[in-house]
N, C-alpha and C. Protein backbone atom coordinates (compact mmCIF):
# COMPACT_ATOMS: atom_id res chain seq x y z
N MET A 1 29.84 7.44 42.27
CA MET A 1 30.15 6.08 41.85
C MET A 1 31.48 6.10 41.11
N GLY A 2 32.33 5.17 41.42
CA GLY A 2 33.62 5.08 40.77
C GLY A 2 33.65 4.00 39.71
N ILE A 3 34.84 3.56 39.41
CA ILE A 3 35.07 2.51 38.42
C ILE A 3 34.95 1.16 39.13
N GLU A 4 34.28 0.20 38.50
CA GLU A 4 34.11 -1.12 39.09
C GLU A 4 35.21 -2.06 38.62
N LEU A 5 36.01 -2.54 39.58
CA LEU A 5 37.13 -3.46 39.32
C LEU A 5 37.42 -4.28 40.56
N PHE A 6 37.92 -5.47 40.37
CA PHE A 6 38.41 -6.30 41.47
C PHE A 6 37.43 -6.35 42.65
N GLY A 7 36.13 -6.47 42.34
CA GLY A 7 35.12 -6.64 43.38
C GLY A 7 34.77 -5.38 44.14
N ARG A 8 35.20 -4.21 43.65
CA ARG A 8 34.87 -2.93 44.29
C ARG A 8 34.35 -1.97 43.23
N ASP A 9 33.57 -1.00 43.66
CA ASP A 9 33.05 -0.02 42.71
C ASP A 9 33.48 1.40 43.04
N ASP A 10 34.57 1.53 43.80
CA ASP A 10 35.01 2.87 44.22
C ASP A 10 36.41 3.23 43.73
N TRP A 11 36.87 2.58 42.67
CA TRP A 11 38.17 2.92 42.09
C TRP A 11 38.08 4.27 41.38
N ARG A 12 39.16 5.05 41.47
CA ARG A 12 39.21 6.33 40.76
C ARG A 12 40.65 6.66 40.39
N TRP A 13 40.78 7.51 39.39
CA TRP A 13 42.10 7.89 38.88
C TRP A 13 42.62 9.16 39.53
N PHE A 14 43.91 9.18 39.78
CA PHE A 14 44.68 10.40 39.97
C PHE A 14 45.62 10.43 38.77
N ASN A 15 45.50 11.42 37.93
CA ASN A 15 46.26 11.52 36.67
C ASN A 15 45.95 10.34 35.74
N GLU A 16 44.73 10.30 35.28
CA GLU A 16 44.29 9.23 34.37
C GLU A 16 45.17 9.22 33.11
N PRO A 17 45.69 8.05 32.71
CA PRO A 17 46.50 7.98 31.49
C PRO A 17 45.61 8.06 30.25
N ARG A 18 46.23 8.36 29.12
CA ARG A 18 45.47 8.43 27.86
C ARG A 18 44.92 7.06 27.47
N SER A 19 45.65 5.98 27.84
CA SER A 19 45.23 4.65 27.42
C SER A 19 45.23 3.69 28.61
N TRP A 20 44.07 3.06 28.83
CA TRP A 20 43.94 2.02 29.84
C TRP A 20 42.70 1.19 29.53
N GLY A 21 42.68 -0.02 30.06
CA GLY A 21 41.55 -0.90 29.81
C GLY A 21 41.37 -1.91 30.93
N THR A 22 40.25 -2.63 30.89
CA THR A 22 39.90 -3.54 31.99
C THR A 22 39.63 -4.96 31.53
N ASP A 23 40.37 -5.45 30.57
CA ASP A 23 40.20 -6.81 30.09
C ASP A 23 41.03 -7.76 30.94
N GLY A 24 40.39 -8.55 31.82
CA GLY A 24 41.10 -9.51 32.67
C GLY A 24 41.92 -8.86 33.76
N GLY A 25 41.53 -7.69 34.21
CA GLY A 25 42.26 -6.92 35.21
C GLY A 25 42.34 -5.48 34.74
N VAL A 26 43.48 -4.85 34.92
CA VAL A 26 43.67 -3.48 34.45
C VAL A 26 44.97 -3.41 33.67
N THR A 27 44.90 -2.86 32.48
CA THR A 27 46.08 -2.59 31.67
C THR A 27 46.25 -1.09 31.58
N VAL A 28 47.43 -0.61 31.96
CA VAL A 28 47.72 0.82 31.97
C VAL A 28 48.91 1.07 31.06
N THR A 29 48.78 2.01 30.14
CA THR A 29 49.92 2.47 29.36
C THR A 29 50.33 3.83 29.93
N ALA A 30 51.48 3.85 30.60
CA ALA A 30 51.97 5.08 31.22
C ALA A 30 52.31 6.10 30.14
N ASP A 31 51.82 7.31 30.32
CA ASP A 31 52.13 8.39 29.39
C ASP A 31 53.60 8.78 29.52
N PRO A 32 54.23 9.22 28.43
CA PRO A 32 55.63 9.68 28.50
C PRO A 32 55.76 10.88 29.44
N GLY A 33 56.90 10.96 30.11
CA GLY A 33 57.21 12.10 30.97
C GLY A 33 56.47 12.13 32.28
N THR A 34 55.91 11.00 32.71
CA THR A 34 55.18 10.94 33.97
C THR A 34 56.09 10.41 35.08
N ASP A 35 55.89 10.92 36.30
CA ASP A 35 56.76 10.51 37.40
C ASP A 35 56.17 10.99 38.72
N PHE A 36 56.66 10.39 39.81
CA PHE A 36 56.42 10.87 41.16
C PHE A 36 57.78 11.05 41.82
N TRP A 37 58.08 12.26 42.25
CA TRP A 37 59.33 12.54 42.97
C TRP A 37 59.19 13.90 43.63
N ARG A 38 59.90 14.09 44.74
CA ARG A 38 59.81 15.36 45.44
C ARG A 38 61.19 15.79 45.93
N THR A 39 61.84 16.69 45.21
CA THR A 39 62.97 17.53 45.60
C THR A 39 64.32 16.82 45.75
N THR A 40 64.44 15.85 46.65
CA THR A 40 65.72 15.28 47.04
C THR A 40 66.60 14.92 45.84
N HIS A 41 67.85 15.29 45.89
CA HIS A 41 68.90 14.99 44.93
C HIS A 41 68.69 15.63 43.56
N TYR A 42 67.51 15.43 42.97
CA TYR A 42 67.26 15.90 41.61
C TYR A 42 66.81 17.36 41.56
N GLY A 43 66.26 17.88 42.67
CA GLY A 43 65.88 19.28 42.73
C GLY A 43 64.57 19.63 42.05
N TYR A 44 63.74 18.65 41.70
CA TYR A 44 62.46 18.95 41.09
C TYR A 44 61.35 18.19 41.80
N ASP A 45 60.13 18.66 41.57
CA ASP A 45 58.94 18.00 42.09
C ASP A 45 58.10 17.54 40.90
N ARG A 46 57.77 16.24 40.90
CA ARG A 46 56.90 15.70 39.85
C ARG A 46 55.78 14.92 40.51
N ASP A 47 54.59 15.19 40.04
CA ASP A 47 53.40 14.56 40.60
C ASP A 47 52.46 14.20 39.46
N SER A 48 53.04 13.63 38.40
CA SER A 48 52.29 13.40 37.17
C SER A 48 52.08 11.92 36.83
N GLY A 49 52.61 11.00 37.64
CA GLY A 49 52.40 9.58 37.39
C GLY A 49 50.93 9.21 37.56
N HIS A 50 50.60 7.99 37.19
CA HIS A 50 49.21 7.52 37.20
C HIS A 50 48.95 6.66 38.43
N VAL A 51 47.86 6.93 39.12
CA VAL A 51 47.42 6.11 40.25
C VAL A 51 45.95 5.77 40.03
N LEU A 52 45.63 4.49 40.11
CA LEU A 52 44.25 4.03 40.13
C LEU A 52 44.04 3.42 41.50
N GLY A 53 43.24 4.10 42.33
CA GLY A 53 43.12 3.66 43.71
C GLY A 53 41.72 3.78 44.26
N VAL A 54 41.60 3.34 45.51
CA VAL A 54 40.35 3.46 46.26
C VAL A 54 40.64 4.24 47.53
N PRO A 55 39.66 5.02 47.99
CA PRO A 55 39.87 5.77 49.22
C PRO A 55 39.75 4.84 50.44
N VAL A 56 40.73 4.95 51.34
CA VAL A 56 40.72 4.16 52.57
C VAL A 56 41.11 5.08 53.73
N ILE A 57 40.72 4.68 54.92
CA ILE A 57 41.12 5.38 56.13
C ILE A 57 41.56 4.33 57.14
N ASP A 58 42.18 4.78 58.21
CA ASP A 58 42.63 3.90 59.28
C ASP A 58 43.59 2.84 58.74
N ASP A 59 43.55 1.64 59.30
CA ASP A 59 44.44 0.56 58.87
C ASP A 59 43.90 -0.07 57.58
N PHE A 60 44.82 -0.47 56.70
CA PHE A 60 44.42 -1.07 55.43
C PHE A 60 45.56 -1.91 54.88
N ALA A 61 45.23 -2.69 53.85
CA ALA A 61 46.24 -3.48 53.13
C ALA A 61 45.93 -3.41 51.65
N VAL A 62 46.97 -3.39 50.83
CA VAL A 62 46.83 -3.44 49.38
C VAL A 62 47.85 -4.43 48.84
N THR A 63 47.41 -5.29 47.94
CA THR A 63 48.28 -6.27 47.30
C THR A 63 47.98 -6.26 45.80
N ALA A 64 49.05 -6.24 44.99
CA ALA A 64 48.87 -6.23 43.54
C ALA A 64 49.91 -7.12 42.88
N SER A 65 49.46 -7.92 41.92
CA SER A 65 50.35 -8.74 41.09
C SER A 65 50.29 -8.18 39.67
N PHE A 66 51.46 -8.09 39.02
CA PHE A 66 51.50 -7.44 37.73
C PHE A 66 52.70 -7.88 36.89
N THR A 67 52.59 -7.60 35.59
CA THR A 67 53.68 -7.76 34.64
C THR A 67 53.76 -6.44 33.87
N ALA A 68 54.88 -6.19 33.21
CA ALA A 68 55.01 -4.94 32.45
C ALA A 68 56.06 -5.09 31.37
N ASP A 69 55.99 -4.21 30.38
CA ASP A 69 56.92 -4.19 29.25
C ASP A 69 57.92 -3.05 29.44
N TYR A 70 58.79 -3.19 30.43
CA TYR A 70 59.78 -2.15 30.74
C TYR A 70 60.76 -2.02 29.58
N THR A 71 61.00 -0.77 29.15
CA THR A 71 61.95 -0.56 28.06
C THR A 71 62.93 0.58 28.33
N ASP A 72 62.51 1.62 29.03
CA ASP A 72 63.34 2.80 29.19
C ASP A 72 63.69 3.05 30.65
N GLN A 73 64.76 3.81 30.84
CA GLN A 73 65.24 4.17 32.18
C GLN A 73 64.08 4.69 33.05
N TYR A 74 63.96 4.12 34.24
CA TYR A 74 63.00 4.49 35.27
C TYR A 74 61.55 4.12 34.95
N ASP A 75 61.26 3.35 33.88
CA ASP A 75 59.91 2.82 33.73
C ASP A 75 59.55 2.12 35.02
N GLN A 76 58.34 2.34 35.53
CA GLN A 76 57.98 1.82 36.86
C GLN A 76 56.50 1.48 36.94
N ALA A 77 56.22 0.40 37.67
CA ALA A 77 54.84 -0.01 37.93
C ALA A 77 54.79 -0.66 39.30
N GLY A 78 53.65 -0.56 39.96
CA GLY A 78 53.50 -1.17 41.28
C GLY A 78 52.29 -0.62 42.00
N ILE A 79 52.48 -0.35 43.30
CA ILE A 79 51.39 0.16 44.13
C ILE A 79 51.73 1.57 44.61
N SER A 80 50.68 2.26 45.02
CA SER A 80 50.83 3.62 45.54
C SER A 80 49.91 3.82 46.72
N LEU A 81 50.42 4.52 47.71
CA LEU A 81 49.64 4.97 48.87
C LEU A 81 49.79 6.48 48.90
N ARG A 82 48.72 7.19 48.66
CA ARG A 82 48.82 8.64 48.46
C ARG A 82 47.90 9.40 49.42
N VAL A 83 48.51 10.24 50.25
CA VAL A 83 47.75 11.17 51.08
C VAL A 83 47.56 12.46 50.30
N ASP A 84 48.68 13.02 49.80
CA ASP A 84 48.68 14.25 49.00
C ASP A 84 50.04 14.33 48.31
N GLU A 85 50.34 15.47 47.66
CA GLU A 85 51.58 15.59 46.89
C GLU A 85 52.83 15.58 47.78
N ARG A 86 52.69 15.74 49.09
CA ARG A 86 53.83 15.76 50.00
C ARG A 86 53.98 14.49 50.85
N ASN A 87 52.99 13.62 50.81
CA ASN A 87 52.99 12.41 51.64
C ASN A 87 52.47 11.24 50.83
N TRP A 88 53.38 10.36 50.41
CA TRP A 88 52.99 9.21 49.61
C TRP A 88 54.11 8.17 49.61
N ILE A 89 53.74 6.97 49.21
CA ILE A 89 54.68 5.87 49.03
C ILE A 89 54.36 5.21 47.70
N LYS A 90 55.39 4.87 46.95
CA LYS A 90 55.21 4.01 45.78
C LYS A 90 56.21 2.87 45.89
N ALA A 91 55.79 1.68 45.47
CA ALA A 91 56.66 0.51 45.53
C ALA A 91 56.31 -0.40 44.37
N GLY A 92 57.33 -0.96 43.74
CA GLY A 92 57.11 -1.86 42.62
C GLY A 92 58.40 -2.22 41.95
N VAL A 93 58.35 -2.37 40.64
CA VAL A 93 59.53 -2.68 39.83
C VAL A 93 59.87 -1.45 39.02
N GLU A 94 61.16 -1.14 38.98
CA GLU A 94 61.65 -0.01 38.20
C GLU A 94 62.87 -0.47 37.42
N LEU A 95 62.96 -0.04 36.17
CA LEU A 95 64.11 -0.34 35.34
C LEU A 95 65.15 0.76 35.56
N VAL A 96 66.31 0.38 36.12
CA VAL A 96 67.36 1.36 36.45
C VAL A 96 68.67 0.88 35.85
N ASP A 97 69.21 1.68 34.94
CA ASP A 97 70.47 1.34 34.26
C ASP A 97 70.43 -0.05 33.65
N GLY A 98 69.29 -0.39 33.06
CA GLY A 98 69.12 -1.67 32.37
C GLY A 98 68.85 -2.85 33.28
N GLU A 99 68.73 -2.63 34.59
CA GLU A 99 68.51 -3.70 35.56
C GLU A 99 67.16 -3.53 36.24
N PHE A 100 66.52 -4.66 36.53
CA PHE A 100 65.25 -4.64 37.24
C PHE A 100 65.51 -4.49 38.73
N GLN A 101 64.83 -3.54 39.34
CA GLN A 101 64.97 -3.26 40.76
C GLN A 101 63.59 -3.28 41.41
N ILE A 102 63.49 -3.91 42.57
CA ILE A 102 62.31 -3.70 43.40
C ILE A 102 62.58 -2.35 44.06
N SER A 103 61.70 -1.42 43.86
CA SER A 103 61.95 -0.02 44.20
C SER A 103 60.89 0.51 45.15
N THR A 104 61.33 1.30 46.11
CA THR A 104 60.40 1.98 47.01
C THR A 104 60.81 3.43 47.15
N VAL A 105 59.84 4.32 47.02
CA VAL A 105 60.05 5.73 47.32
C VAL A 105 59.06 6.11 48.41
N VAL A 106 59.60 6.63 49.51
CA VAL A 106 58.78 7.14 50.60
C VAL A 106 58.95 8.65 50.61
N THR A 107 57.84 9.36 50.59
CA THR A 107 57.89 10.83 50.55
C THR A 107 57.12 11.40 51.72
N ARG A 108 57.83 12.18 52.52
CA ARG A 108 57.27 13.00 53.59
C ARG A 108 57.93 14.37 53.43
N ASP A 109 57.39 15.16 52.56
CA ASP A 109 57.95 16.45 52.10
C ASP A 109 59.12 16.25 51.15
N PHE A 110 60.00 15.29 51.41
CA PHE A 110 61.13 14.99 50.54
C PHE A 110 61.12 13.50 50.24
N SER A 111 61.45 13.14 49.01
CA SER A 111 61.46 11.73 48.61
C SER A 111 62.77 11.06 49.01
N ASP A 112 62.68 9.81 49.46
CA ASP A 112 63.87 8.97 49.56
C ASP A 112 63.60 7.68 48.81
N TRP A 113 64.67 7.06 48.31
CA TRP A 113 64.54 5.95 47.37
C TRP A 113 65.43 4.81 47.82
N SER A 114 64.88 3.61 47.78
CA SER A 114 65.68 2.42 48.05
C SER A 114 65.33 1.37 47.00
N VAL A 115 66.33 0.54 46.65
CA VAL A 115 66.14 -0.49 45.64
C VAL A 115 66.76 -1.80 46.09
N VAL A 116 66.22 -2.88 45.54
CA VAL A 116 66.76 -4.23 45.72
C VAL A 116 66.88 -4.83 44.33
N GLY A 117 68.09 -5.15 43.90
CA GLY A 117 68.30 -5.77 42.59
C GLY A 117 67.75 -7.18 42.58
N VAL A 118 67.01 -7.52 41.53
CA VAL A 118 66.38 -8.83 41.47
C VAL A 118 66.62 -9.57 40.17
N GLY A 119 67.47 -9.06 39.29
CA GLY A 119 67.66 -9.72 38.01
C GLY A 119 66.41 -9.61 37.17
N ARG A 120 66.29 -10.47 36.20
CA ARG A 120 65.12 -10.45 35.29
C ARG A 120 63.88 -10.91 36.05
N VAL A 121 62.80 -10.16 35.96
CA VAL A 121 61.54 -10.55 36.57
C VAL A 121 60.44 -10.50 35.53
N ASP A 122 59.51 -11.42 35.64
CA ASP A 122 58.37 -11.41 34.75
C ASP A 122 57.12 -10.94 35.47
N ARG A 123 56.88 -11.49 36.65
CA ARG A 123 55.68 -11.17 37.41
C ARG A 123 56.09 -10.87 38.84
N VAL A 124 55.51 -9.85 39.42
CA VAL A 124 55.83 -9.43 40.78
C VAL A 124 54.54 -9.20 41.54
N THR A 125 54.58 -9.49 42.83
CA THR A 125 53.49 -9.13 43.73
C THR A 125 54.07 -8.21 44.80
N ILE A 126 53.44 -7.07 44.98
CA ILE A 126 53.84 -6.10 46.00
C ILE A 126 52.68 -5.94 46.97
N ALA A 127 52.99 -5.90 48.26
CA ALA A 127 51.96 -5.73 49.28
C ALA A 127 52.38 -4.64 50.26
N ALA A 128 51.40 -3.87 50.71
CA ALA A 128 51.62 -2.86 51.74
C ALA A 128 50.52 -3.00 52.77
N GLU A 129 50.90 -2.87 54.03
CA GLU A 129 49.93 -2.92 55.11
C GLU A 129 50.21 -1.77 56.07
N ARG A 130 49.19 -0.91 56.26
CA ARG A 130 49.33 0.17 57.24
C ARG A 130 48.68 -0.26 58.53
N THR A 131 49.45 -0.16 59.61
CA THR A 131 48.97 -0.38 60.96
C THR A 131 49.40 0.82 61.78
N GLY A 132 48.44 1.62 62.20
CA GLY A 132 48.77 2.82 62.96
C GLY A 132 49.57 3.79 62.11
N ASP A 133 50.79 4.10 62.57
CA ASP A 133 51.63 5.07 61.86
C ASP A 133 52.72 4.43 61.01
N ALA A 134 52.59 3.15 60.72
CA ALA A 134 53.63 2.45 59.96
C ALA A 134 53.04 1.68 58.78
N VAL A 135 53.83 1.63 57.71
CA VAL A 135 53.49 0.80 56.55
C VAL A 135 54.60 -0.23 56.38
N THR A 136 54.22 -1.49 56.28
CA THR A 136 55.15 -2.58 56.00
C THR A 136 54.96 -2.97 54.54
N LEU A 137 56.07 -2.95 53.79
CA LEU A 137 56.05 -3.30 52.37
C LEU A 137 56.76 -4.62 52.17
N ARG A 138 56.16 -5.51 51.37
CA ARG A 138 56.72 -6.82 51.08
C ARG A 138 56.60 -7.09 49.59
N TYR A 139 57.41 -8.05 49.09
CA TYR A 139 57.31 -8.42 47.69
C TYR A 139 57.51 -9.91 47.52
N GLY A 140 57.04 -10.42 46.37
CA GLY A 140 57.26 -11.79 45.95
C GLY A 140 57.49 -11.80 44.45
N LEU A 141 58.41 -12.65 43.99
CA LEU A 141 58.73 -12.73 42.57
C LEU A 141 57.99 -13.88 41.92
N ASP A 142 57.68 -13.70 40.64
CA ASP A 142 56.90 -14.66 39.87
C ASP A 142 55.59 -14.91 40.59
N ASP A 143 55.26 -16.13 40.97
CA ASP A 143 53.99 -16.37 41.64
C ASP A 143 54.13 -16.55 43.14
N ALA A 144 55.28 -16.17 43.70
CA ALA A 144 55.49 -16.30 45.14
C ALA A 144 54.67 -15.26 45.90
N ASP A 145 54.20 -15.66 47.08
CA ASP A 145 53.51 -14.71 47.94
C ASP A 145 54.48 -13.60 48.35
N PRO A 146 53.96 -12.42 48.64
CA PRO A 146 54.83 -11.29 49.02
C PRO A 146 55.29 -11.40 50.47
N THR A 147 56.31 -12.24 50.70
CA THR A 147 56.80 -12.45 52.06
C THR A 147 58.15 -11.79 52.32
N ALA A 148 58.88 -11.41 51.28
CA ALA A 148 60.19 -10.77 51.47
C ALA A 148 59.99 -9.33 51.93
N LEU A 149 60.58 -8.99 53.07
CA LEU A 149 60.45 -7.64 53.61
C LEU A 149 61.21 -6.65 52.74
N LEU A 150 60.54 -5.61 52.33
CA LEU A 150 61.13 -4.57 51.50
C LEU A 150 61.43 -3.32 52.31
N ARG A 151 60.48 -2.91 53.12
CA ARG A 151 60.66 -1.65 53.85
C ARG A 151 59.62 -1.53 54.94
N LEU A 152 59.99 -0.89 56.02
CA LEU A 152 59.07 -0.47 57.07
C LEU A 152 59.23 1.04 57.15
N ALA A 153 58.12 1.79 57.01
CA ALA A 153 58.22 3.25 56.92
C ALA A 153 57.11 3.91 57.73
N TYR A 154 57.42 5.08 58.24
CA TYR A 154 56.41 5.92 58.87
C TYR A 154 55.44 6.38 57.78
N PHE A 155 54.14 6.44 58.14
CA PHE A 155 53.13 6.96 57.23
C PHE A 155 52.06 7.63 58.09
N PRO A 156 51.63 8.83 57.74
CA PRO A 156 50.67 9.54 58.58
C PRO A 156 49.45 8.69 58.91
N PRO A 157 49.15 8.52 60.20
CA PRO A 157 48.07 7.62 60.60
C PRO A 157 46.66 8.21 60.46
N GLU A 158 46.56 9.51 60.34
CA GLU A 158 45.25 10.13 60.27
C GLU A 158 44.94 10.56 58.84
N GLY A 159 43.65 10.64 58.55
CA GLY A 159 43.24 11.12 57.23
C GLY A 159 43.10 10.02 56.21
N GLY A 160 42.57 10.40 55.07
CA GLY A 160 42.32 9.45 54.00
C GLY A 160 43.53 9.21 53.12
N VAL A 161 43.52 8.05 52.48
CA VAL A 161 44.59 7.63 51.58
C VAL A 161 43.95 7.09 50.31
N LEU A 162 44.56 7.39 49.16
CA LEU A 162 44.19 6.75 47.91
C LEU A 162 45.17 5.60 47.72
N ALA A 163 44.69 4.36 47.85
CA ALA A 163 45.54 3.17 47.82
C ALA A 163 45.22 2.35 46.58
N GLY A 164 46.28 2.00 45.82
CA GLY A 164 46.03 1.20 44.64
C GLY A 164 47.24 1.03 43.76
N LEU A 165 47.05 1.14 42.45
CA LEU A 165 48.06 0.83 41.44
C LEU A 165 48.77 2.10 40.98
N MET A 166 50.00 1.92 40.49
CA MET A 166 50.78 3.05 40.03
C MET A 166 51.58 2.65 38.80
N ALA A 167 51.75 3.59 37.87
CA ALA A 167 52.65 3.41 36.72
C ALA A 167 53.14 4.79 36.28
N ALA A 168 54.39 4.83 35.82
CA ALA A 168 54.97 6.08 35.33
C ALA A 168 56.11 5.77 34.37
N ALA A 169 56.36 6.70 33.46
CA ALA A 169 57.42 6.57 32.45
C ALA A 169 58.19 7.89 32.38
N PRO A 170 59.10 8.14 33.34
CA PRO A 170 59.75 9.45 33.43
C PRO A 170 60.58 9.86 32.21
N THR A 171 61.29 8.93 31.59
CA THR A 171 62.23 9.33 30.54
C THR A 171 61.89 8.77 29.16
N GLY A 172 61.06 7.76 29.11
CA GLY A 172 60.81 7.08 27.84
C GLY A 172 59.55 7.51 27.15
N SER A 173 59.16 6.70 26.18
CA SER A 173 58.00 7.00 25.34
C SER A 173 56.72 6.39 25.88
N GLY A 174 56.76 5.85 27.10
CA GLY A 174 55.60 5.19 27.70
C GLY A 174 55.76 3.68 27.62
N PHE A 175 55.07 2.97 28.48
CA PHE A 175 55.12 1.50 28.48
C PHE A 175 53.84 0.98 29.10
N THR A 176 53.60 -0.33 28.93
CA THR A 176 52.35 -0.93 29.37
C THR A 176 52.58 -1.86 30.55
N ALA A 177 51.72 -1.74 31.56
CA ALA A 177 51.72 -2.63 32.73
C ALA A 177 50.34 -3.28 32.83
N ARG A 178 50.34 -4.56 33.22
CA ARG A 178 49.10 -5.32 33.36
C ARG A 178 48.97 -5.82 34.80
N PHE A 179 47.91 -5.41 35.48
CA PHE A 179 47.62 -5.80 36.86
C PHE A 179 46.48 -6.80 36.81
N ASP A 180 46.77 -8.06 37.21
CA ASP A 180 45.73 -9.07 37.09
C ASP A 180 45.15 -9.54 38.41
N ARG A 181 45.79 -9.16 39.51
CA ARG A 181 45.26 -9.51 40.83
C ARG A 181 45.52 -8.33 41.75
N VAL A 182 44.44 -7.73 42.24
CA VAL A 182 44.56 -6.57 43.12
C VAL A 182 43.52 -6.71 44.22
N GLN A 183 43.96 -6.45 45.44
CA GLN A 183 43.05 -6.49 46.58
C GLN A 183 43.37 -5.32 47.51
N VAL A 184 42.34 -4.59 47.89
CA VAL A 184 42.47 -3.52 48.88
C VAL A 184 41.45 -3.82 49.97
N THR A 185 41.92 -3.94 51.20
CA THR A 185 41.03 -4.17 52.34
C THR A 185 41.30 -3.11 53.38
N SER A 186 40.26 -2.75 54.14
CA SER A 186 40.44 -1.77 55.20
C SER A 186 39.56 -2.13 56.39
N ASP A 187 39.99 -1.61 57.53
CA ASP A 187 39.22 -1.85 58.77
C ASP A 187 38.01 -0.96 58.85
């Protein structure tokens, strides 16, 4: 039996943070020094960020709406699709050089990173849908539906995935993200 949230009872942590709660959704305080990255450009592998997800197989969709108190370089919150330490996707908002970016990292042995500058954001919705061997990522700002295309990426079609929420604080002292609407559906 897992954690009961958002109408499901199979939520579980990968790298549970020291502080989190379930009042009106999920509030996660990312621990300092947490991150997800694999090799490219920086030369290190980090697999210490926080993921609260549900196990899914085959085709699935995940949508999350959230706010966060970004303060330090690379503070990040959003969604995660995780097969293992070598195959995963994270997408959400990241604070980069003092600017808010809609950020996506796709990792297949090596991480690649893409960003879309969005100015000041308060609330974001990120959605991912896996169909076969592809994941389509979309976003919406404030209360808009996630209709803006962010990325289309290859994702291994076989095997299980931990799909859900993500937060990390690579350089700062930690920060808090609040997820108030989350839905994970699978075929």
